[in-house]
Protein backbone atom coordinates (compact mmCIF):
# COMPACT_ATOMS: atom_id res chain seq x y z
CA MET A 1 -0.24 0.04 0.00
CA ALA A 2 1.25 3.52 -0.90
CA THR A 3 2.20 5.30 2.51
CA LYS A 4 5.68 7.32 1.58
CA ILE A 5 4.79 11.23 1.30
CA GLN A 6 5.81 11.82 -2.86
CA SER A 7 7.56 15.09 -3.67
CA PHE A 8 6.67 17.39 -7.29
CA ASN A 9 6.79 15.49 -9.80
CA PRO A 10 5.61 17.87 -13.01
CA ARG A 11 3.45 15.21 -14.94
CA GLN A 12 0.24 16.12 -15.39
CA VAL A 13 -1.33 12.69 -17.37
CA MET A 14 -2.80 9.93 -15.63
CA CYS A 15 -1.04 6.72 -15.26
CA ARG A 16 -3.97 4.81 -14.86
CA LYS A 17 -7.62 5.16 -16.60
CA ASP A 18 -9.89 5.37 -13.34
CA PHE A 19 -8.17 7.76 -10.60
CA GLU A 20 -4.96 8.79 -9.02
CA ILE A 21 -4.00 9.71 -5.86
CA GLN A 22 -0.83 11.98 -4.97
CA HIS A 23 0.36 12.77 -1.40
CA LYS A 24 3.01 15.47 -1.64
CA ARG A 25 5.14 17.62 -0.03
CA ASP A 26 8.08 19.64 -0.38
CA THR A 27 9.74 22.24 1.20
CA TYR A 28 10.82 24.26 -2.32
CA LEU A 29 9.08 24.58 -5.17
CA GLN A 30 8.69 27.03 -8.03
CA ASN A 31 5.83 28.18 -9.31
CA VAL A 32 4.03 25.46 -11.69
CA GLU A 33 2.86 26.27 -15.42
CA LEU A 34 -0.84 27.12 -16.69
CA HIS A 35 -2.20 23.86 -17.48
CA HIS A 36 -5.25 21.36 -17.60
CA HIS A 37 -6.42 17.74 -17.23
CA ASP A 38 -8.45 15.90 -18.77
CA PHE A 39 -10.19 14.87 -16.28
CA TYR A 40 -11.32 16.05 -12.40
CA GLU A 41 -8.87 17.16 -9.87
CA ILE A 42 -9.62 17.31 -6.12
CA TYR A 43 -7.30 19.14 -4.00
CA PHE A 44 -6.73 19.40 -0.66
CA LEU A 45 -4.43 21.70 1.32
CA VAL A 46 -2.61 20.03 3.98
CA SER A 47 -0.15 22.76 5.00
CA GLY A 48 1.59 26.03 2.89
CA ASP A 49 1.26 29.53 1.50
CA VAL A 50 -0.69 28.71 -2.20
CA THR A 51 -2.54 31.31 -4.68
CA TYR A 52 -4.44 29.12 -7.01
CA SER A 53 -5.39 30.90 -10.64
CA ILE A 54 -7.99 29.24 -12.34
CA GLU A 55 -9.48 30.83 -15.30
CA GLY A 56 -8.27 34.15 -14.09
CA LYS A 57 -9.71 33.82 -10.61
CA LEU A 58 -7.28 34.13 -7.60
CA TYR A 59 -7.86 32.33 -4.75
CA ARG A 60 -5.87 32.58 -1.23
CA VAL A 61 -5.90 28.68 -0.22
CA VAL A 62 -5.90 28.27 3.52
CA PRO A 63 -4.81 24.71 4.66
CA GLY A 64 -8.23 22.93 5.34
CA ASP A 65 -9.41 24.07 1.70
CA VAL A 66 -10.84 22.16 -1.10
CA LEU A 67 -10.37 23.25 -5.04
CA LEU A 68 -12.80 21.56 -7.27
CA ILE A 69 -11.02 21.75 -11.00
CA SER A 70 -12.88 20.48 -14.10
CA PRO A 71 -11.69 19.49 -17.36
CA ARG A 72 -11.75 22.84 -19.37
CA GLU A 73 -10.57 25.43 -16.77
CA LEU A 74 -7.14 26.51 -17.23
CA HIS A 75 -5.12 26.41 -14.01
CA GLN A 76 -2.32 27.37 -11.76
CA ILE A 77 -0.39 27.34 -8.63
CA PHE A 78 2.05 30.46 -7.08
CA ILE A 79 3.95 28.90 -3.98
CA LYS A 80 5.35 31.06 -1.32
CA SER A 81 8.30 29.26 -0.81
CA ASP A 82 10.00 30.69 1.97
CA ALA A 83 6.87 29.82 4.13
CA GLU A 84 6.23 26.30 5.62
CA ALA A 85 6.27 23.02 3.65
CA TYR A 86 3.79 22.82 0.80
CA GLU A 87 2.25 19.31 1.54
CA ARG A 88 -1.46 18.53 -0.32
CA TYR A 89 -3.43 16.02 -1.31
CA VAL A 90 -4.27 15.63 -5.01
CA LEU A 91 -7.23 13.47 -6.38
CA TRP A 92 -7.36 13.06 -9.92
CA ILE A 93 -10.54 11.21 -11.15
CA ASP A 94 -11.94 10.22 -14.73
CA PRO A 95 -15.37 11.54 -15.84
CA ALA A 96 -16.26 8.43 -16.37
CA MET A 97 -15.29 6.86 -13.32
CA LEU A 98 -17.76 9.31 -11.58
CA ALA A 99 -20.61 8.77 -14.37
CA ARG A 100 -20.44 4.64 -12.93
CA LEU A 101 -20.55 5.15 -9.51
CA SER A 102 -23.08 7.83 -9.97
CA THR A 103 -26.95 6.45 -9.55
CA GLU A 104 -30.42 8.26 -11.03
CA THR A 105 -30.65 9.86 -7.68
CA THR A 106 -26.96 10.84 -6.34
CA ASN A 107 -24.97 12.67 -9.30
CA LEU A 108 -21.39 12.33 -7.75
CA GLU A 109 -20.24 15.11 -10.34
CA LYS A 110 -22.64 17.68 -9.21
CA CYS A 111 -20.27 20.02 -7.39
CA LEU A 112 -17.52 19.72 -9.78
CA ASN A 113 -20.12 21.10 -12.84
CA PRO A 114 -19.06 24.47 -13.81
CA ALA A 115 -22.70 25.03 -15.00
CA ARG A 116 -24.28 24.04 -11.77
CA GLU A 117 -25.73 27.17 -9.62
CA GLY A 118 -24.12 28.19 -7.26
CA TYR A 119 -20.56 26.42 -8.37
CA THR A 120 -17.10 27.76 -6.77
CA ASN A 121 -13.63 26.66 -6.98
CA GLN A 122 -12.97 26.55 -3.78
CA LEU A 123 -14.46 25.08 -0.76
CA ARG A 124 -13.90 26.33 2.78
CA ILE A 125 -13.97 22.84 5.18
CA PRO A 126 -16.28 23.41 8.00
CA ILE A 127 -13.73 22.50 11.37
CA GLU A 128 -15.86 19.50 11.77
CA TYR A 129 -15.55 17.85 8.50
CA MET A 130 -11.35 18.85 8.02
CA ASN A 131 -10.46 15.51 9.70
CA GLU A 132 -12.88 13.62 8.07
CA VAL A 133 -11.52 14.75 4.34
CA GLY A 134 -8.13 14.38 4.98
CA ASN A 135 -8.80 10.53 6.47
CA LEU A 136 -10.25 9.79 3.52
CA MET A 137 -8.07 11.40 1.26
CA GLU A 138 -5.29 9.27 3.18
CA GLY A 139 -7.58 6.57 2.82
CA ILE A 140 -7.71 6.68 -0.88
CA TYR A 141 -4.08 7.23 -0.73
CA ARG A 142 -3.60 4.14 0.99
CA GLU A 143 -5.43 1.70 -1.13
CA SER A 144 -4.85 3.17 -4.20
CA ASP A 145 -2.39 0.74 -5.14
CA CYS A 146 -3.61 -2.08 -2.85
CA GLU A 147 -3.97 -5.65 -5.14
CA GLY A 148 -4.95 -7.51 -1.89
CA TYR A 149 -8.51 -8.82 -1.49
CA GLY A 150 -11.10 -6.19 -1.64
CA GLY A 151 -8.74 -3.24 -2.88
CA ASP A 152 -10.76 -2.09 -5.80
CA LEU A 153 -13.90 -1.76 -3.80
CA MET A 154 -12.79 -0.21 -1.09
CA GLN A 155 -10.84 2.28 -3.20
CA GLU A 156 -13.84 2.98 -4.73
CA SER A 157 -15.96 2.96 -1.76
CA LEU A 158 -13.71 5.56 0.04
CA ILE A 159 -14.16 7.77 -3.21
CA VAL A 160 -17.66 7.66 -3.29
CA ARG A 161 -17.51 8.64 0.91
CA LEU A 162 -15.52 11.54 -0.31
CA LEU A 163 -17.60 12.48 -2.92
CA VAL A 164 -21.21 12.21 -1.30
CA LEU A 165 -19.16 14.42 1.82
CA ILE A 166 -18.10 17.29 -0.57
CA ASN A 167 -21.07 17.33 -2.55
CA ARG A 168 -23.16 17.83 0.78
CA ILE A 169 -20.55 20.77 1.67
CA ALA A 170 -20.99 22.53 -1.61
CA ASP A 171 -24.91 22.45 -1.25
CA SER A 172 -24.68 23.92 2.26
CA LYS A 173 -24.08 27.43 2.79
CA SER A 174 -20.76 26.25 4.86
CA GLU A 175 -19.37 26.59 1.95
CA LYS A 176 -18.77 30.08 1.43
CA THR A 177 -15.25 31.10 2.50
CA GLU A 178 -14.58 34.31 4.19
CA GLU A 179 -13.24 36.15 1.10
CA GLU A 180 -14.22 36.34 -2.60
CA PRO A 181 -11.49 35.05 -5.44
CA TYR A 182 -9.50 38.46 -6.54
CA THR A 183 -10.70 38.60 -10.08
CA ASN A 184 -8.82 41.21 -12.16
CA THR A 185 -11.56 42.76 -14.11
CA LEU A 186 -9.34 43.23 -17.30
CA VAL A 187 -7.94 40.22 -17.37
CA ALA A 188 -11.55 38.59 -16.77
CA GLY A 189 -12.21 40.29 -19.73
CA VAL A 190 -10.01 38.83 -22.14
CA ILE A 191 -10.53 35.42 -20.97
CA ASN A 192 -13.86 35.33 -21.22
CA TYR A 193 -13.63 37.06 -24.79
CA VAL A 194 -11.14 33.86 -25.73
CA ASN A 195 -13.80 31.24 -24.48
CA GLU A 196 -16.01 32.86 -26.74
CA HIS A 197 -14.20 33.96 -29.70
CA TYR A 198 -11.24 31.16 -29.47
CA GLY A 199 -12.41 29.50 -33.04
CA GLU A 200 -12.08 33.65 -35.23
CA THR A 201 -8.63 35.67 -35.96
CA LEU A 202 -7.20 37.48 -32.63
CA SER A 203 -4.90 39.98 -32.38
CA LEU A 204 -3.70 42.13 -29.18
CA ASP A 205 -5.09 45.41 -30.54
CA ASP A 206 -8.65 44.24 -31.53
CA MET A 207 -9.00 43.18 -27.64
CA ALA A 208 -7.30 46.15 -26.17
CA GLU A 209 -9.84 48.19 -27.88
CA ARG A 210 -12.88 46.32 -27.19
CA LEU A 211 -11.89 46.66 -23.27
CA TYR A 212 -10.64 50.27 -23.71
CA VAL A 213 -7.36 49.96 -22.69
CA SER A 214 -3.47 50.15 -24.70
CA LYS A 215 -2.30 46.20 -25.70
CA TYR A 216 0.97 47.47 -23.45
CA HIS A 217 -1.23 47.73 -20.63
CA LEU A 218 -3.67 44.75 -21.50
CA SER A 219 -0.73 42.54 -22.10
CA HIS A 220 1.19 43.73 -18.82
CA GLU A 221 -1.93 43.32 -16.43
CA PHE A 222 -2.05 39.91 -17.92
CA ARG A 223 1.05 38.74 -17.71
CA ARG A 224 1.03 39.79 -14.17
CA GLN A 225 -1.67 37.98 -12.96
CA MET A 226 -1.51 34.97 -15.37
CA GLY A 227 2.43 34.27 -15.30
CA THR A 228 1.89 33.72 -19.05
CA GLY A 229 1.13 35.73 -22.03
CA VAL A 230 -2.17 36.08 -24.16
CA TYR A 231 -1.08 34.65 -27.20
CA HIS A 232 0.29 31.77 -24.86
CA TYR A 233 -2.84 31.72 -23.22
CA ILE A 234 -4.74 31.48 -26.77
CA GLN A 235 -2.87 28.95 -27.89
CA LYS A 236 -3.25 26.83 -24.92
CA LYS A 237 -7.16 27.23 -24.59
CA ARG A 238 -7.32 26.53 -28.79
CA VAL A 239 -5.46 23.28 -28.39
CA GLN A 240 -7.12 22.18 -25.26
CA ILE A 241 -10.64 22.23 -27.09
CA ALA A 242 -9.02 20.99 -30.43
CA ARG A 243 -8.06 17.75 -27.65
CA GLN A 244 -11.50 17.56 -26.45
CA LEU A 245 -12.85 18.00 -30.36
CA LEU A 246 -10.93 15.10 -31.60
CA ALA A 247 -11.66 13.22 -28.54
CA GLN A 248 -15.29 13.59 -30.06
CA GLY A 249 -14.36 12.26 -32.92
CA GLU A 250 -13.84 15.55 -35.08
CA LYS A 251 -11.80 14.76 -38.30
CA PRO A 252 -8.38 16.97 -37.39
CA ASN A 253 -9.33 19.21 -40.98
CA ASN A 254 -12.31 20.11 -39.68
CA VAL A 255 -10.63 20.89 -35.52
CA TYR A 256 -8.10 23.24 -36.86
CA ARG A 257 -10.13 25.79 -38.71
CA ARG A 258 -12.92 25.48 -35.53
CA CYS A 259 -10.13 26.28 -33.00
CA GLY A 260 -9.08 29.49 -34.94
CA PHE A 261 -5.34 27.96 -36.31
CA GLY A 262 -4.97 29.35 -39.67
CA ASP A 263 -3.29 26.30 -41.19
CA TYR A 264 -3.04 22.45 -40.66
CA ALA A 265 0.77 23.06 -39.74
CA GLY A 266 0.59 25.48 -37.27
CA PHE A 267 -2.54 23.19 -35.43
CA TYR A 268 0.32 20.56 -36.06
CA ARG A 269 3.12 22.32 -34.48
CA ALA A 270 0.99 24.23 -31.50
CA PHE A 271 -0.91 20.44 -30.80
CA LYS A 272 2.24 18.41 -30.64
CA ALA A 273 4.38 20.34 -28.44
CA GLU A 274 1.48 20.54 -26.13
CA TYR A 275 0.81 16.67 -25.90
CA GLY A 276 3.85 15.44 -27.66
CA ALA A 277 2.03 13.80 -30.28
CA GLY A 278 0.24 14.88 -33.47
CA PRO A 279 -3.62 15.22 -34.14
CA ARG A 280 -3.72 12.53 -35.73
CA GLU A 281 -1.92 10.46 -33.17
CA PHE A 282 -3.57 11.51 -30.60
CA ALA A 283 -6.93 10.83 -32.33
CA ALA A 284 -5.83 7.02 -33.52
CA SER A 285 -4.57 6.28 -29.90
CA LEU A 286 -8.11 6.93 -28.92
CA LYS A 287 -9.16 4.10 -31.30
CA GLN A 288 -6.95 1.68 -30.44
């Protein structure tokens, strides 16, 4: 059984198809690059001074908080490295697994759905439930590589218990944090515009004109909050959506046009740089 606490690993893909959990502790760690996943992420902070950026909103995370991140949300973490050790549990779950574990009356994905009323990425866990959430995370971690009798059932039962508890907390008024996430209205305007127009030709000049600022101010503010440039963000958003369309069976030649790439060669380079394989390779791997 897994008991040893791990250290940082830049890998952002699952090694197994249903779920994966990590318990990590680092005393020094640089900021992690803006990224996204094809699966849900449930993050539980044990210790550390952490700020999380999720789709342009900045969350000040305190020990005991849970973050809920869906597959389409670009996110990034900023760590104050001279503070106490940074320790956390990170649970990755494939949407198909949650759908399988849900019932007609209990949808375990509810708290993870950005479209639901009252959705929030950050849950401030009430103190009476904090130990229970931590114990469930540790239980899943300990059982995650168990090959003994009943290991599979134990893993799934603990995940179900965790998701039921988190959904109950999310449905109650107690999940409200003491402070709202910080949102830079200019950065939010850029992100919203990109989300709505990623399939079109996008330029810094056009966005700056629509948002009534200079392109230099827009570029500076976006990089200051997001830790990356506007064009880099647009590229990541486009290949993220392209990957989802390919997974749904769309043809690569149609996908690159729908996602705003001027030609297939540019699409191929961007997709391979992000995922390590070309669009057609990726699509073929799904069929296999």
